[in-house]
Amino acid sequence: MTALTGRYEFDTELCDEELTYEEICKLLKKQIETISQLHAEKSDHLAKISELNDEVIQLNSQLEHLKKQVKMMTT
């Protein structure tokens, strides 16, 4: 069994009316959807970062190899 708990805070000065249980549930559902979307985006960004890090490592290796070749040619 999974329990879902939520907490919604808002500035009471901005809101003169009370929220109903259904409205709070809708707000929580929207927050959960937003959080899920942000987690998916985070995963995508982390995957892209990993790909770019691999590319940087490969390019640095190629650069070092070229530096050695140039050094050998000049000596």
C-alpha atoms as a PDB file:
ATOM      1  CA  MET A   1       0.000   0.000   0.000  1.00  0.00           C
ATOM      2  CA  THR A   2       1.335   3.430  -0.939  1.00  0.00           C
ATOM      3  CA  ALA A   3       0.465   6.547   0.988  1.00  0.00           C
ATOM      4  CA  LEU A   4       0.530   9.922  -0.674  1.00  0.00           C
ATOM      5  CA  THR A   5       0.922  12.944   1.506  1.00  0.00           C
ATOM      6  CA  GLY A   6       1.164  16.507   0.377  1.00  0.00           C
ATOM      7  CA  ARG A   7       1.576  19.950   1.747  1.00  0.00           C
ATOM      8  CA  TYR A   8       0.558  23.147   0.051  1.00  0.00           C
ATOM      9  CA  GLU A   9       1.630  26.530   1.335  1.00  0.00           C
ATOM     10  CA  PHE A  10       0.455  29.841   0.043  1.00  0.00           C
ATOM     11  CA  ASP A  11       0.560  33.453   1.060  1.00  0.00           C
ATOM     12  CA  THR A  12      -2.701  34.137   2.873  1.00  0.00           C
ATOM     13  CA  GLU A  13      -2.437  37.826   2.036  1.00  0.00           C
ATOM     14  CA  LEU A  14      -2.722  36.960  -1.651  1.00  0.00           C
ATOM     15  CA  CYS A  15      -5.707  34.663  -1.248  1.00  0.00           C
ATOM     16  CA  ASP A  16      -8.884  35.800   0.518  1.00  0.00           C
ATOM     17  CA  GLU A  17     -10.816  32.576  -0.012  1.00  0.00           C
ATOM     18  CA  GLU A  18     -10.224  29.142   1.416  1.00  0.00           C
ATOM     19  CA  LEU A  19      -9.403  26.240  -0.832  1.00  0.00           C
ATOM     20  CA  THR A  20     -11.608  23.206  -0.920  1.00  0.00           C
ATOM     21  CA  TYR A  21     -10.255  19.700  -0.521  1.00  0.00           C
ATOM     22  CA  GLU A  22     -10.775  19.094  -4.233  1.00  0.00           C
ATOM     23  CA  GLU A  23      -8.883  22.262  -5.158  1.00  0.00           C
ATOM     24  CA  ILE A  24      -6.003  21.265  -2.913  1.00  0.00           C
ATOM     25  CA  CYS A  25      -5.978  17.804  -4.495  1.00  0.00           C
ATOM     26  CA  LYS A  26      -5.830  19.395  -7.962  1.00  0.00           C
ATOM     27  CA  LEU A  27      -2.950  21.623  -6.864  1.00  0.00           C
ATOM     28  CA  LEU A  28      -1.080  18.659  -5.416  1.00  0.00           C
ATOM     29  CA  LYS A  29      -1.657  16.636  -8.578  1.00  0.00           C
ATOM     30  CA  LYS A  30      -0.311  19.502 -10.676  1.00  0.00           C
ATOM     31  CA  GLN A  31       2.729  19.786  -8.397  1.00  0.00           C
ATOM     32  CA  ILE A  32       3.363  16.045  -8.652  1.00  0.00           C
ATOM     33  CA  GLU A  33       3.130  16.219 -12.458  1.00  0.00           C
ATOM     34  CA  THR A  34       5.529  19.169 -12.504  1.00  0.00           C
ATOM     35  CA  ILE A  35       7.986  17.345 -10.242  1.00  0.00           C
ATOM     36  CA  SER A  36       7.800  14.245 -12.455  1.00  0.00           C
ATOM     37  CA  GLN A  37       8.459  16.360 -15.530  1.00  0.00           C
ATOM     38  CA  LEU A  38      11.421  18.039 -13.836  1.00  0.00           C
ATOM     39  CA  HIS A  39      12.865  14.652 -12.826  1.00  0.00           C
ATOM     40  CA  ALA A  40      12.580  13.473 -16.441  1.00  0.00           C
ATOM     41  CA  GLU A  41      14.273  16.639 -17.673  1.00  0.00           C
ATOM     42  CA  LYS A  42      17.007  16.180 -15.064  1.00  0.00           C
ATOM     43  CA  SER A  43      17.641  12.640 -16.299  1.00  0.00           C
ATOM     44  CA  ASP A  44      17.842  13.889 -19.884  1.00  0.00           C
ATOM     45  CA  HIS A  45      20.262  16.636 -18.888  1.00  0.00           C
ATOM     46  CA  LEU A  46      22.451  14.243 -16.908  1.00  0.00           C
ATOM     47  CA  ALA A  47      22.594  11.880 -19.877  1.00  0.00           C
ATOM     48  CA  LYS A  48      23.621  14.769 -22.162  1.00  0.00           C
ATOM     49  CA  ILE A  49      26.256  15.882 -19.643  1.00  0.00           C
ATOM     50  CA  SER A  50      27.662  12.351 -19.593  1.00  0.00           C
ATOM     51  CA  GLU A  51      27.820  12.261 -23.404  1.00  0.00           C
ATOM     52  CA  LEU A  52      29.569  15.635 -23.491  1.00  0.00           C
ATOM     53  CA  ASN A  53      32.052  14.555 -20.808  1.00  0.00           C
ATOM     54  CA  ASP A  54      32.894  11.481 -22.869  1.00  0.00           C
ATOM     55  CA  GLU A  55      33.408  13.707 -25.898  1.00  0.00           C
ATOM     56  CA  VAL A  56      35.690  16.044 -23.916  1.00  0.00           C
ATOM     57  CA  ILE A  57      37.773  13.077 -22.753  1.00  0.00           C
ATOM     58  CA  GLN A  58      38.095  11.827 -26.311  1.00  0.00           C
ATOM     59  CA  LEU A  59      39.032  15.264 -27.669  1.00  0.00           C
ATOM     60  CA  ASN A  60      41.602  15.805 -24.905  1.00  0.00           C
ATOM     61  CA  SER A  61      43.136  12.441 -25.729  1.00  0.00           C
ATOM     62  CA  GLN A  62      43.350  13.373 -29.402  1.00  0.00           C
ATOM     63  CA  LEU A  63      44.882  16.723 -28.488  1.00  0.00           C
ATOM     64  CA  GLU A  64      47.546  15.078 -26.333  1.00  0.00           C
ATOM     65  CA  HIS A  65      48.328  12.654 -29.160  1.00  0.00           C
ATOM     66  CA  LEU A  66      48.713  15.533 -31.607  1.00  0.00           C
ATOM     67  CA  LYS A  67      50.939  17.445 -29.181  1.00  0.00           C
ATOM     68  CA  LYS A  68      53.240  14.417 -28.939  1.00  0.00           C
ATOM     69  CA  GLN A  69      53.363  14.137 -32.746  1.00  0.00           C
ATOM     70  CA  VAL A  70      54.205  17.810 -33.134  1.00  0.00           C
ATOM     71  CA  LYS A  71      56.875  17.586 -30.423  1.00  0.00           C
ATOM     72  CA  MET A  72      58.437  14.578 -32.156  1.00  0.00           C
ATOM     73  CA  MET A  73      58.429  16.407 -35.509  1.00  0.00           C
ATOM     74  CA  THR A  74      60.189  19.468 -34.070  1.00  0.00           C
ATOM     75  CA  THR A  75      62.981  17.525 -32.384  1.00  0.00           C
END
